[in-house]
PDB file of N, CA and C in Angstrom:
ATOM      1  N   UNK A   1      80.232 -37.391  17.413  1.00  0.00           N
ATOM      2  CA  UNK A   1      79.570 -36.972  16.426  1.00  0.00           C
ATOM      3  C   UNK A   1      78.244 -37.787  15.534  1.00  0.00           C
ATOM      4  N   UNK A   2      77.444 -37.497  15.256  1.00  0.00           N
ATOM      5  CA  UNK A   2      76.435 -38.304  15.037  1.00  0.00           C
ATOM      6  C   UNK A   2      76.518 -38.780  13.418  1.00  0.00           C
ATOM      7  N   UNK A   3      75.977 -40.224  13.947  1.00  0.00           N
ATOM      8  CA  UNK A   3      75.834 -40.980  12.144  1.00  0.00           C
ATOM      9  C   UNK A   3      74.578 -40.364  11.676  1.00  0.00           C
ATOM     10  N   UNK A   4      73.759 -40.166  12.281  1.00  0.00           N
ATOM     11  CA  UNK A   4      72.614 -40.379  11.732  1.00  0.00           C
ATOM     12  C   UNK A   4      72.551 -38.896  11.122  1.00  0.00           C
ATOM     13  N   UNK A   5      72.444 -38.697   9.685  1.00  0.00           N
ATOM     14  CA  UNK A   5      72.029 -37.402   9.354  1.00  0.00           C
ATOM     15  C   UNK A   5      71.178 -36.371   9.935  1.00  0.00           C
ATOM     16  N   UNK A   6      70.167 -37.056  10.201  1.00  0.00           N
ATOM     17  CA  UNK A   6      68.650 -35.833  10.320  1.00  0.00           C
ATOM     18  C   UNK A   6      69.335 -35.624  11.852  1.00  0.00           C
ATOM     19  N   UNK A   7      69.783 -36.299  12.573  1.00  0.00           N
ATOM     20  CA  UNK A   7      70.275 -35.541  13.975  1.00  0.00           C
ATOM     21  C   UNK A   7      71.320 -34.626  13.870  1.00  0.00           C
ATOM     22  N   UNK A   8      72.180 -34.673  12.779  1.00  0.00           N
ATOM     23  CA  UNK A   8      72.877 -33.635  12.837  1.00  0.00           C
ATOM     24  C   UNK A   8      72.513 -32.602  11.771  1.00  0.00           C
ATOM     25  N   UNK A   9      71.473 -32.489  11.629  1.00  0.00           N
ATOM     26  CA  UNK A   9      70.759 -31.670  11.030  1.00  0.00           C
ATOM     27  C   UNK A   9      70.201 -30.852  11.922  1.00  0.00           C
ATOM     28  N   UNK A  10      69.763 -31.684  13.246  1.00  0.00           N
ATOM     29  CA  UNK A  10      68.830 -31.084  13.750  1.00  0.00           C
ATOM     30  C   UNK A  10      69.935 -29.898  14.953  1.00  0.00           C
ATOM     31  N   UNK A  11      71.045 -30.961  15.109  1.00  0.00           N
ATOM     32  CA  UNK A  11      72.616 -30.543  16.241  1.00  0.00           C
ATOM     33  C   UNK A  11      72.711 -28.486  15.101  1.00  0.00           C
ATOM     34  N   UNK A  12      72.626 -29.297  13.848  1.00  0.00           N
ATOM     35  CA  UNK A  12      72.914 -27.445  13.261  1.00  0.00           C
ATOM     36  C   UNK A  12      71.953 -27.017  13.496  1.00  0.00           C
ATOM     37  N   UNK A  13      70.849 -26.753  13.315  1.00  0.00           N
ATOM     38  CA  UNK A  13      69.203 -26.069  13.627  1.00  0.00           C
ATOM     39  C   UNK A  13      69.367 -25.294  15.022  1.00  0.00           C
ATOM     40  N   UNK A  14      70.145 -26.094  16.076  1.00  0.00           N
ATOM     41  CA  UNK A  14      69.817 -26.052  17.599  1.00  0.00           C
ATOM     42  C   UNK A  14      70.925 -24.564  17.680  1.00  0.00           C
ATOM     43  N   UNK A  15      72.385 -25.018  16.764  1.00  0.00           N
ATOM     44  CA  UNK A  15      73.014 -23.968  17.050  1.00  0.00           C
ATOM     45  C   UNK A  15      73.230 -22.800  16.041  1.00  0.00           C
ATOM     46  N   UNK A  16      72.386 -22.612  15.320  1.00  0.00           N
ATOM     47  CA  UNK A  16      71.902 -21.686  14.409  1.00  0.00           C
ATOM     48  C   UNK A  16      70.379 -20.975  14.707  1.00  0.00           C
ATOM     49  N   UNK A  17      69.820 -21.738  14.339  1.00  0.00           N
ATOM     50  CA  UNK A  17      68.149 -20.785  14.079  1.00  0.00           C
ATOM     51  C   UNK A  17      67.989 -21.064  15.757  1.00  0.00           C
ATOM     52  N   UNK A  18      68.102 -21.909  16.050  1.00  0.00           N
ATOM     53  CA  UNK A  18      67.490 -22.135  17.788  1.00  0.00           C
ATOM     54  C   UNK A  18      68.226 -20.562  18.170  1.00  0.00           C
ATOM     55  N   UNK A  19      69.290 -20.656  18.694  1.00  0.00           N
ATOM     56  CA  UNK A  19      70.203 -19.875  19.041  1.00  0.00           C
ATOM     57  C   UNK A  19      69.950 -18.148  18.829  1.00  0.00           C
ATOM     58  N   UNK A  20      69.574 -17.742  17.215  1.00  0.00           N
ATOM     59  CA  UNK A  20      69.227 -16.706  17.189  1.00  0.00           C
ATOM     60  C   UNK A  20      67.621 -16.596  17.655  1.00  0.00           C
ATOM     61  N   UNK A  21      67.106 -17.516  17.895  1.00  0.00           N
ATOM     62  CA  UNK A  21      65.473 -17.008  17.954  1.00  0.00           C
ATOM     63  C   UNK A  21      65.816 -16.459  19.488  1.00  0.00           C
ATOM     64  N   UNK A  22      66.795 -17.086  20.306  1.00  0.00           N
ATOM     65  CA  UNK A  22      66.996 -16.975  21.632  1.00  0.00           C
ATOM     66  C   UNK A  22      67.064 -15.643  21.736  1.00  0.00           C
ATOM     67  N   UNK A  23      68.478 -15.899  20.843  1.00  0.00           N
ATOM     68  CA  UNK A  23      68.780 -13.746  20.774  1.00  0.00           C
ATOM     69  C   UNK A  23      67.994 -12.996  20.520  1.00  0.00           C
ATOM     70  N   UNK A  24      66.959 -13.325  19.717  1.00  0.00           N
ATOM     71  CA  UNK A  24      66.454 -12.262  19.151  1.00  0.00           C
ATOM     72  C   UNK A  24      64.991 -11.794  20.854  1.00  0.00           C
ATOM     73  N   UNK A  25      65.031 -13.268  21.351  1.00  0.00           N
ATOM     74  CA  UNK A  25      64.110 -13.107  22.447  1.00  0.00           C
ATOM     75  C   UNK A  25      64.571 -12.203  23.387  1.00  0.00           C
ATOM     76  N   UNK A  26      65.816 -12.284  23.857  1.00  0.00           N
ATOM     77  CA  UNK A  26      66.554 -11.352  24.644  1.00  0.00           C
ATOM     78  C   UNK A  26      66.610 -10.052  24.318  1.00  0.00           C
ATOM     79  N   UNK A  27      67.058 -10.058  22.875  1.00  0.00           N
ATOM     80  CA  UNK A  27      66.922  -8.715  22.106  1.00  0.00           C
ATOM     81  C   UNK A  27      65.768  -8.047  22.475  1.00  0.00           C
ATOM     82  N   UNK A  28      64.861  -8.181  22.196  1.00  0.00           N
ATOM     83  CA  UNK A  28      63.461  -8.007  22.390  1.00  0.00           C
ATOM     84  C   UNK A  28      63.304  -7.172  23.481  1.00  0.00           C
ATOM     85  N   UNK A  29      63.336  -8.152  24.295  1.00  0.00           N
ATOM     86  CA  UNK A  29      63.597  -7.207  25.687  1.00  0.00           C
ATOM     87  C   UNK A  29      64.127  -6.127  26.272  1.00  0.00           C
ATOM     88  N   UNK A  30      65.579  -6.172  25.469  1.00  0.00           N
ATOM     89  CA  UNK A  30      66.472  -5.073  25.661  1.00  0.00           C
ATOM     90  C   UNK A  30      65.836  -3.587  24.812  1.00  0.00           C
ATOM     91  N   UNK A  31      65.215  -3.978  23.794  1.00  0.00           N
ATOM     92  CA  UNK A  31      64.539  -2.812  22.630  1.00  0.00           C
ATOM     93  C   UNK A  31      64.826  -2.764  21.248  1.00  0.00           C
ATOM     94  N   UNK A  32      65.160  -4.005  21.233  1.00  0.00           N
ATOM     95  CA  UNK A  32      65.865  -4.270  19.689  1.00  0.00           C
ATOM     96  C   UNK A  32      66.411  -5.111  18.957  1.00  0.00           C
ATOM     97  N   UNK A  33      66.423  -5.496  18.139  1.00  0.00           N
ATOM     98  CA  UNK A  33      67.829  -6.647  17.380  1.00  0.00           C
ATOM     99  C   UNK A  33      69.230  -6.043  17.216  1.00  0.00           C
ATOM    100  N   UNK A  34      70.281  -6.812  17.523  1.00  0.00           N
ATOM    101  CA  UNK A  34      71.387  -5.983  16.896  1.00  0.00           C
ATOM    102  C   UNK A  34      71.752  -6.924  15.861  1.00  0.00           C
ATOM    103  N   UNK A  35      71.584  -6.496  14.664  1.00  0.00           N
ATOM    104  CA  UNK A  35      72.217  -7.494  13.977  1.00  0.00           C
ATOM    105  C   UNK A  35      73.777  -8.005  13.630  1.00  0.00           C
ATOM    106  N   UNK A  36      74.310  -7.158  14.374  1.00  0.00           N
ATOM    107  CA  UNK A  36      76.055  -7.926  14.570  1.00  0.00           C
ATOM    108  C   UNK A  36      76.042  -8.799  15.266  1.00  0.00           C
ATOM    109  N   UNK A  37      75.251  -8.755  16.362  1.00  0.00           N
ATOM    110  CA  UNK A  37      74.927 -10.322  17.400  1.00  0.00           C
ATOM    111  C   UNK A  37      74.677 -11.066  16.687  1.00  0.00           C
ATOM    112  N   UNK A  38      73.455 -11.202  15.835  1.00  0.00           N
ATOM    113  CA  UNK A  38      72.892 -12.219  15.251  1.00  0.00           C
ATOM    114  C   UNK A  38      73.712 -13.182  14.427  1.00  0.00           C
ATOM    115  N   UNK A  39      74.777 -11.930  13.691  1.00  0.00           N
ATOM    116  CA  UNK A  39      75.628 -12.749  12.747  1.00  0.00           C
ATOM    117  C   UNK A  39      76.695 -13.022  13.503  1.00  0.00           C
ATOM    118  N   UNK A  40      77.011 -12.936  14.652  1.00  0.00           N
ATOM    119  CA  UNK A  40      77.832 -13.424  15.538  1.00  0.00           C
ATOM    120  C   UNK A  40      77.427 -14.937  15.924  1.00  0.00           C
ATOM    121  N   UNK A  41      76.404 -14.840  16.465  1.00  0.00           N
ATOM    122  CA  UNK A  41      75.308 -16.036  16.778  1.00  0.00           C
ATOM    123  C   UNK A  41      75.988 -17.274  15.845  1.00  0.00           C
ATOM    124  N   UNK A  42      75.376 -16.664  14.805  1.00  0.00           N
ATOM    125  CA  UNK A  42      74.687 -17.896  13.380  1.00  0.00           C
ATOM    126  C   UNK A  42      76.337 -18.617  13.096  1.00  0.00           C
ATOM    127  N   UNK A  43      77.735 -17.223  12.956  1.00  0.00           N
ATOM    128  CA  UNK A  43      79.075 -17.944  12.649  1.00  0.00           C
ATOM    129  C   UNK A  43      79.740 -18.327  13.883  1.00  0.00           C
ATOM    130  N   UNK A  44      79.135 -18.238  14.697  1.00  0.00           N
ATOM    131  CA  UNK A  44      79.823 -19.166  16.166  1.00  0.00           C
ATOM    132  C   UNK A  44      78.998 -20.636  15.766  1.00  0.00           C
ATOM    133  N   UNK A  45      77.781 -20.742  15.490  1.00  0.00           N
ATOM    134  CA  UNK A  45      76.979 -21.665  15.365  1.00  0.00           C
ATOM    135  C   UNK A  45      77.505 -22.998  14.540  1.00  0.00           C
ATOM    136  N   UNK A  46      77.967 -22.211  13.523  1.00  0.00           N
ATOM    137  CA  UNK A  46      78.498 -22.914  11.891  1.00  0.00           C
ATOM    138  C   UNK A  46      79.804 -23.612  12.498  1.00  0.00           C
ATOM    139  N   UNK A  47      80.514 -22.562  13.389  1.00  0.00           N
ATOM    140  CA  UNK A  47      81.907 -22.794  13.637  1.00  0.00           C
ATOM    141  C   UNK A  47      81.851 -24.215  15.032  1.00  0.00           C
ATOM    142  N   UNK A  48      80.962 -24.170  15.271  1.00  0.00           N
ATOM    143  CA  UNK A  48      80.760 -25.196  16.576  1.00  0.00           C
ATOM    144  C   UNK A  48      80.183 -26.198  15.968  1.00  0.00           C
ATOM    145  N   UNK A  49      79.264 -26.151  15.072  1.00  0.00           N
ATOM    146  CA  UNK A  49      78.941 -27.928  14.464  1.00  0.00           C
ATOM    147  C   UNK A  49      79.829 -28.391  13.274  1.00  0.00           C
ATOM    148  N   UNK A  50      81.132 -27.497  12.920  1.00  0.00           N
ATOM    149  CA  UNK A  50      82.261 -27.852  12.224  1.00  0.00           C
ATOM    150  C   UNK A  50      82.958 -28.416  12.669  1.00  0.00           C
ATOM    151  N   UNK A  51      83.850 -28.253  14.111  1.00  0.00           N
ATOM    152  CA  UNK A  51      84.243 -28.556  14.751  1.00  0.00           C
ATOM    153  C   UNK A  51      83.755 -29.900  15.339  1.00  0.00           C
ATOM    154  N   UNK A  52      82.278 -29.986  15.727  1.00  0.00           N
ATOM    155  CA  UNK A  52      82.059 -31.101  16.156  1.00  0.00           C
ATOM    156  C   UNK A  52      81.821 -32.497  15.475  1.00  0.00           C
ATOM    157  N   UNK A  53      81.255 -31.700  13.639  1.00  0.00           N
ATOM    158  CA  UNK A  53      81.073 -32.806  12.638  1.00  0.00           C
ATOM    159  C   UNK A  53      82.447 -32.918  11.679  1.00  0.00           C
ATOM    160  N   UNK A  54      83.507 -32.327  12.197  1.00  0.00           N
ATOM    161  CA  UNK A  54      84.387 -32.434  10.903  1.00  0.00           C
ATOM    162  C   UNK A  54      85.473 -33.570  11.705  1.00  0.00           C
ATOM    163  N   UNK A  55      85.328 -34.460  10.281  1.00  0.00           N
ATOM    164  CA  UNK A  55      86.249 -35.790   9.927  1.00  0.00           C
ATOM    165  C   UNK A  55      87.553 -35.497  10.645  1.00  0.00           C
ATOM    166  N   UNK A  56      88.008 -36.533  11.372  1.00  0.00           N
ATOM    167  CA  UNK A  56      89.576 -36.342  11.459  1.00  0.00           C
ATOM    168  C   UNK A  56      90.913 -36.243  10.319  1.00  0.00           C
ATOM    169  N   UNK A  57      91.287 -35.642  10.506  1.00  0.00           N
ATOM    170  CA  UNK A  57      92.333 -35.624   9.487  1.00  0.00           C
ATOM    171  C   UNK A  57      92.353 -34.286   8.432  1.00  0.00           C
ATOM    172  N   UNK A  58      91.261 -33.521   8.523  1.00  0.00           N
ATOM    173  CA  UNK A  58      90.596 -32.668   7.991  1.00  0.00           C
ATOM    174  C   UNK A  58      91.048 -31.071   8.576  1.00  0.00           C
ATOM    175  N   UNK A  59      91.463 -30.489   7.780  1.00  0.00           N
ATOM    176  CA  UNK A  59      91.498 -29.218   8.473  1.00  0.00           C
ATOM    177  C   UNK A  59      90.791 -27.816   7.865  1.00  0.00           C
TER     178      UNK A  59
END
C-alpha cells in the first residue's frame, strides 16, 4: 500500500482508465467497443484497488 495519496491516485487511474483505454484499443481492432466488457474492466479495477488499499480489519 502506498502512503502517498498521489501514487494511490495514479494506481487507481492505471487500474481503471488505463485498462479501459487498452481494452478500447483492442476492441477497435476487433470492430467496435463492447460496453459490458468496459464495465467489467472498470469494476475489476476498482475491486483490485480497494483490495490493495483497504485498511486491515475493515470488511
